Each structure stands twice: as C-alpha cells, then as structure tokens.
Amino acid sequence: MKALELKVPPVVLVAIAAGGMWAVSGVSSKLNFAIPGVAWWSTGIAVVGACIAIFGVLQFRVAETTVDPRVPDQSTNLVVSGVYRYSRNPMYLGFFLVLCAWALYLGSVISLLALPVFIMYMNRFQIVPEERFMHNQFGEVYDKYRSEVRRWI
C-alpha cells in the first residue's frame, strides 16, 4: 500500500470524492433528506472550509515552504503559526468541510458515507507519510508541536 502514499494531489482527491458523492446521490430517493435552507447552510460551511484551507496555504507561502504535499522533502520550514496553532492539517480540514457542505447540499445519506472514507484515506496515504517525514526533518520540534496540536481539529 505504500505505493499510494503521497501520489494523488489532495485537491484531485476532493474532486474525485465530490464526483463520487454526486454519482451515488441519486441511487435511492428513500435515503435522501431535506434540510430547510440547505443552500445557505452548505454555502456557509463551504466558505468556512475554503477559508481555512486558504489560510493554511497563505501560512505556507509566508514561511516560504512548499504547498505541494506530494514532495514533503521540499519542506524547508515547520509552520506552527496562524491556523496551524489549531490544526496540523488545516488544508485537509478545509477540504473536508467543503465535502461536508456538498453532502448536505446533495441531501443524500449515501453521499455522507464518502466523508469517513475521505478521512481514512487522507490519514493513511497523505497525513501519516507527511508526519513521518516531518519527524525525520524537524525532530523534537515537530514532536512537541504534534503533541500540542491535534491532527484535524
């Protein structure tokens, strides 16, 4: 399974997940749900998610380190400020919130099942390999940060 580690850009994974959620949303209308004001709720959640992800990207830019998680060996600085004080993976958290918003908008219980799959995939094939590298690259400083800040929220 190591062959899948750090191979697919997370933005592509979000697109695949969103497309899959849409594709299965019409499987059974018996499993659909409706929330009053769903367009407003889903838009609000998506905006919050997008902002969190963007703040994560901006912090990387300020630190002058790579944003591409597929090449962690190009990481030059450990970013622990800004939104990274609250989440070690704010970009992934933001993507997750966007997918949550999409699932709510689709109103499909089956689409909601993609959310834990997304988290499991990201944890196994993206975050764990990144954390392994960060430990090797930044040692005790990263270990201390990891002990103080949660992975997602």
C-alpha atoms as a PDB file:
ATOM      1  CA  MET A   1       0.000   0.000   0.000  1.00  0.00           C
ATOM      2  CA  LYS A   2       2.976   2.324   0.252  1.00  0.00           C
ATOM      3  CA  ALA A   3       2.643   2.836  -3.498  1.00  0.00           C
ATOM      4  CA  LEU A   4      -0.388   5.050  -2.846  1.00  0.00           C
ATOM      5  CA  GLU A   5       1.360   7.285  -0.322  1.00  0.00           C
ATOM      6  CA  LEU A   6       1.665  10.926  -1.387  1.00  0.00           C
ATOM      7  CA  LYS A   7       0.756  10.133  -5.006  1.00  0.00           C
ATOM      8  CA  VAL A   8      -2.535  11.915  -5.660  1.00  0.00           C
ATOM      9  CA  PRO A   9      -2.798  15.661  -5.048  1.00  0.00           C
ATOM     10  CA  PRO A  10      -5.361  16.278  -2.284  1.00  0.00           C
ATOM     11  CA  VAL A  11      -7.315  18.697  -4.499  1.00  0.00           C
ATOM     12  CA  VAL A  12      -7.750  15.862  -7.014  1.00  0.00           C
ATOM     13  CA  LEU A  13      -8.930  13.576  -4.198  1.00  0.00           C
ATOM     14  CA  VAL A  14     -11.535  16.178  -3.235  1.00  0.00           C
ATOM     15  CA  ALA A  15     -12.736  16.359  -6.835  1.00  0.00           C
ATOM     16  CA  ILE A  16     -12.937  12.566  -7.048  1.00  0.00           C
ATOM     17  CA  ALA A  17     -14.818  12.375  -3.755  1.00  0.00           C
ATOM     18  CA  ALA A  18     -17.219  15.155  -4.784  1.00  0.00           C
ATOM     19  CA  GLY A  19     -17.870  13.473  -8.126  1.00  0.00           C
ATOM     20  CA  GLY A  20     -18.450  10.139  -6.443  1.00  0.00           C
ATOM     21  CA  MET A  21     -20.807  11.732  -3.942  1.00  0.00           C
ATOM     22  CA  TRP A  22     -22.806  13.269  -6.762  1.00  0.00           C
ATOM     23  CA  ALA A  23     -22.846   9.999  -8.710  1.00  0.00           C
ATOM     24  CA  VAL A  24     -24.281   7.989  -5.805  1.00  0.00           C
ATOM     25  CA  SER A  25     -26.640  10.696  -4.562  1.00  0.00           C
ATOM     26  CA  GLY A  26     -29.405   9.546  -6.891  1.00  0.00           C
ATOM     27  CA  VAL A  27     -29.154   5.842  -6.079  1.00  0.00           C
ATOM     28  CA  SER A  28     -32.143   5.772  -3.745  1.00  0.00           C
ATOM     29  CA  SER A  29     -34.522   8.615  -3.079  1.00  0.00           C
ATOM     30  CA  LYS A  30     -35.603   6.756   0.073  1.00  0.00           C
ATOM     31  CA  LEU A  31     -32.226   7.631   1.569  1.00  0.00           C
ATOM     32  CA  ASN A  32     -32.404  11.314   0.723  1.00  0.00           C
ATOM     33  CA  PHE A  33     -33.074  14.037   3.250  1.00  0.00           C
ATOM     34  CA  ALA A  34     -34.052  17.674   3.092  1.00  0.00           C
ATOM     35  CA  ILE A  35     -32.829  20.470   5.320  1.00  0.00           C
ATOM     36  CA  PRO A  36     -34.630  23.827   5.266  1.00  0.00           C
ATOM     37  CA  GLY A  37     -32.267  26.461   3.914  1.00  0.00           C
ATOM     38  CA  VAL A  38     -29.774  23.834   2.729  1.00  0.00           C
ATOM     39  CA  ALA A  39     -28.285  26.153   0.093  1.00  0.00           C
ATOM     40  CA  TRP A  40     -27.436  28.720   2.767  1.00  0.00           C
ATOM     41  CA  TRP A  41     -26.111  26.160   5.222  1.00  0.00           C
ATOM     42  CA  SER A  42     -23.994  24.350   2.663  1.00  0.00           C
ATOM     43  CA  THR A  43     -22.666  27.610   1.221  1.00  0.00           C
ATOM     44  CA  GLY A  44     -21.705  28.819   4.684  1.00  0.00           C
ATOM     45  CA  ILE A  45     -19.925  25.593   5.563  1.00  0.00           C
ATOM     46  CA  ALA A  46     -18.142  25.535   2.190  1.00  0.00           C
ATOM     47  CA  VAL A  47     -16.972  29.139   2.628  1.00  0.00           C
ATOM     48  CA  VAL A  48     -15.640  28.382   6.113  1.00  0.00           C
ATOM     49  CA  GLY A  49     -13.849  25.312   4.752  1.00  0.00           C
ATOM     50  CA  ALA A  50     -12.380  27.211   1.813  1.00  0.00           C
ATOM     51  CA  CYS A  51     -11.168  29.993   4.113  1.00  0.00           C
ATOM     52  CA  ILE A  52      -9.477  27.536   6.468  1.00  0.00           C
ATOM     53  CA  ALA A  53      -7.720  25.857   3.529  1.00  0.00           C
ATOM     54  CA  ILE A  54      -6.681  29.208   2.047  1.00  0.00           C
ATOM     55  CA  PHE A  55      -5.323  30.409   5.387  1.00  0.00           C
ATOM     56  CA  GLY A  56      -3.250  27.220   5.513  1.00  0.00           C
ATOM     57  CA  VAL A  57      -1.842  27.882   2.045  1.00  0.00           C
ATOM     58  CA  LEU A  58      -1.088  31.512   2.923  1.00  0.00           C
ATOM     59  CA  GLN A  59       0.817  30.453   6.057  1.00  0.00           C
ATOM     60  CA  PHE A  60       2.974  28.155   3.907  1.00  0.00           C
ATOM     61  CA  ARG A  61       3.623  30.998   1.478  1.00  0.00           C
ATOM     62  CA  VAL A  62       4.647  33.321   4.312  1.00  0.00           C
ATOM     63  CA  ALA A  63       7.014  30.627   5.618  1.00  0.00           C
ATOM     64  CA  GLU A  64       8.366  30.168   2.086  1.00  0.00           C
ATOM     65  CA  THR A  65       7.873  26.412   2.116  1.00  0.00           C
ATOM     66  CA  THR A  66       6.221  24.079  -0.364  1.00  0.00           C
ATOM     67  CA  VAL A  67       2.463  23.737  -0.506  1.00  0.00           C
ATOM     68  CA  ASP A  68       2.665  20.513  -2.528  1.00  0.00           C
ATOM     69  CA  PRO A  69       2.181  17.678  -0.034  1.00  0.00           C
ATOM     70  CA  ARG A  70       3.431  15.108  -2.541  1.00  0.00           C
ATOM     71  CA  VAL A  71       7.002  16.365  -2.067  1.00  0.00           C
ATOM     72  CA  PRO A  72       7.500  16.742   1.693  1.00  0.00           C
ATOM     73  CA  ASP A  73      11.270  16.635   1.210  1.00  0.00           C
ATOM     74  CA  GLN A  74      10.951  20.170  -0.180  1.00  0.00           C
ATOM     75  CA  SER A  75       9.602  21.412   3.162  1.00  0.00           C
ATOM     76  CA  THR A  76      12.048  23.969   4.453  1.00  0.00           C
ATOM     77  CA  ASN A  77      10.188  25.292   7.482  1.00  0.00           C
ATOM     78  CA  LEU A  78       7.849  23.887  10.081  1.00  0.00           C
ATOM     79  CA  VAL A  79       4.732  26.069  10.081  1.00  0.00           C
ATOM     80  CA  VAL A  80       3.173  26.328  13.541  1.00  0.00           C
ATOM     81  CA  SER A  81       1.577  29.777  13.484  1.00  0.00           C
ATOM     82  CA  GLY A  82      -1.743  31.125  12.286  1.00  0.00           C
ATOM     83  CA  VAL A  83      -4.321  28.435  11.621  1.00  0.00           C
ATOM     84  CA  TYR A  84      -1.634  25.812  12.300  1.00  0.00           C
ATOM     85  CA  ARG A  85      -1.948  26.636  16.014  1.00  0.00           C
ATOM     86  CA  TYR A  86      -5.324  24.859  15.934  1.00  0.00           C
ATOM     87  CA  SER A  87      -4.899  22.122  13.337  1.00  0.00           C
ATOM     88  CA  ARG A  88      -1.834  20.369  11.956  1.00  0.00           C
ATOM     89  CA  ASN A  89      -3.729  19.906   8.683  1.00  0.00           C
ATOM     90  CA  PRO A  90      -5.962  22.928   8.092  1.00  0.00           C
ATOM     91  CA  MET A  91      -5.915  22.491   4.309  1.00  0.00           C
ATOM     92  CA  TYR A  92      -7.301  18.976   4.655  1.00  0.00           C
ATOM     93  CA  LEU A  93      -9.766  20.137   7.300  1.00  0.00           C
ATOM     94  CA  GLY A  94     -10.957  22.827   4.895  1.00  0.00           C
ATOM     95  CA  PHE A  95     -11.348  20.272   2.101  1.00  0.00           C
ATOM     96  CA  PHE A  96     -13.320  18.038   4.461  1.00  0.00           C
ATOM     97  CA  LEU A  97     -15.683  20.885   5.345  1.00  0.00           C
ATOM     98  CA  VAL A  98     -16.239  21.610   1.654  1.00  0.00           C
ATOM     99  CA  LEU A  99     -17.139  17.949   1.156  1.00  0.00           C
ATOM    100  CA  CYS A 100     -19.474  18.107   4.176  1.00  0.00           C
ATOM    101  CA  ALA A 101     -21.192  21.094   2.615  1.00  0.00           C
ATOM    102  CA  TRP A 102     -21.523  19.240  -0.690  1.00  0.00           C
ATOM    103  CA  ALA A 103     -23.011  16.174   1.047  1.00  0.00           C
ATOM    104  CA  LEU A 104     -25.564  18.353   2.824  1.00  0.00           C
ATOM    105  CA  TYR A 105     -26.447  20.109  -0.409  1.00  0.00           C
ATOM    106  CA  LEU A 106     -26.932  16.782  -2.183  1.00  0.00           C
ATOM    107  CA  GLY A 107     -29.168  15.613   0.658  1.00  0.00           C
ATOM    108  CA  SER A 108     -28.068  12.015   0.312  1.00  0.00           C
ATOM    109  CA  VAL A 109     -27.246   9.648   3.144  1.00  0.00           C
ATOM    110  CA  ILE A 110     -25.176   7.567   0.725  1.00  0.00           C
ATOM    111  CA  SER A 111     -23.104  10.640  -0.159  1.00  0.00           C
ATOM    112  CA  LEU A 112     -22.385  11.172   3.528  1.00  0.00           C
ATOM    113  CA  LEU A 113     -20.581   7.816   3.561  1.00  0.00           C
ATOM    114  CA  ALA A 114     -17.816   9.351   1.454  1.00  0.00           C
ATOM    115  CA  LEU A 115     -16.819  11.612   4.368  1.00  0.00           C
ATOM    116  CA  PRO A 116     -15.316   8.954   6.662  1.00  0.00           C
ATOM    117  CA  VAL A 117     -13.725   7.298   3.617  1.00  0.00           C
ATOM    118  CA  PHE A 118     -12.072  10.628   2.739  1.00  0.00           C
ATOM    119  CA  ILE A 119     -10.733  10.994   6.292  1.00  0.00           C
ATOM    120  CA  MET A 120      -9.436   7.421   6.386  1.00  0.00           C
ATOM    121  CA  TYR A 121      -7.716   7.796   3.014  1.00  0.00           C
ATOM    122  CA  MET A 122      -6.170  11.152   3.940  1.00  0.00           C
ATOM    123  CA  ASN A 123      -4.953   9.825   7.291  1.00  0.00           C
ATOM    124  CA  ARG A 124      -3.388   6.691   5.816  1.00  0.00           C
ATOM    125  CA  PHE A 125      -1.987   7.828   2.483  1.00  0.00           C
ATOM    126  CA  GLN A 126      -1.346  11.518   2.997  1.00  0.00           C
ATOM    127  CA  ILE A 127      -1.011  12.559   6.624  1.00  0.00           C
ATOM    128  CA  VAL A 128       0.873   9.580   8.108  1.00  0.00           C
ATOM    129  CA  PRO A 129       3.612   9.743   5.431  1.00  0.00           C
ATOM    130  CA  GLU A 130       3.840  13.527   5.860  1.00  0.00           C
ATOM    131  CA  GLU A 131       4.145  13.147   9.628  1.00  0.00           C
ATOM    132  CA  ARG A 132       6.857  10.538   9.204  1.00  0.00           C
ATOM    133  CA  PHE A 133       8.828  12.952   7.060  1.00  0.00           C
ATOM    134  CA  MET A 134       8.214  15.923   9.377  1.00  0.00           C
ATOM    135  CA  HIS A 135       9.505  13.882  12.321  1.00  0.00           C
ATOM    136  CA  ASN A 136      12.650  12.976  10.361  1.00  0.00           C
ATOM    137  CA  GLN A 137      13.143  16.540   9.110  1.00  0.00           C
ATOM    138  CA  PHE A 138      12.348  18.568  12.240  1.00  0.00           C
ATOM    139  CA  GLY A 139      12.789  16.049  15.079  1.00  0.00           C
ATOM    140  CA  GLU A 140      11.889  17.135  18.595  1.00  0.00           C
ATOM    141  CA  VAL A 141      10.459  20.465  17.454  1.00  0.00           C
ATOM    142  CA  TYR A 142       7.889  18.625  15.335  1.00  0.00           C
ATOM    143  CA  ASP A 143       7.233  16.052  18.062  1.00  0.00           C
ATOM    144  CA  LYS A 144       6.466  18.848  20.529  1.00  0.00           C
ATOM    145  CA  TYR A 145       4.168  20.552  18.011  1.00  0.00           C
ATOM    146  CA  ARG A 146       2.464  17.232  17.287  1.00  0.00           C
ATOM    147  CA  SER A 147       1.829  16.669  20.983  1.00  0.00           C
ATOM    148  CA  GLU A 148       0.268  20.129  21.377  1.00  0.00           C
ATOM    149  CA  VAL A 149      -1.867  20.460  18.225  1.00  0.00           C
ATOM    150  CA  ARG A 150      -4.448  17.974  17.018  1.00  0.00           C
ATOM    151  CA  ARG A 151      -4.281  16.401  13.567  1.00  0.00           C
ATOM    152  CA  TRP A 152      -7.656  17.667  12.302  1.00  0.00           C
ATOM    153  CA  ILE A 153      -9.240  19.897  14.956  1.00  0.00           C
END
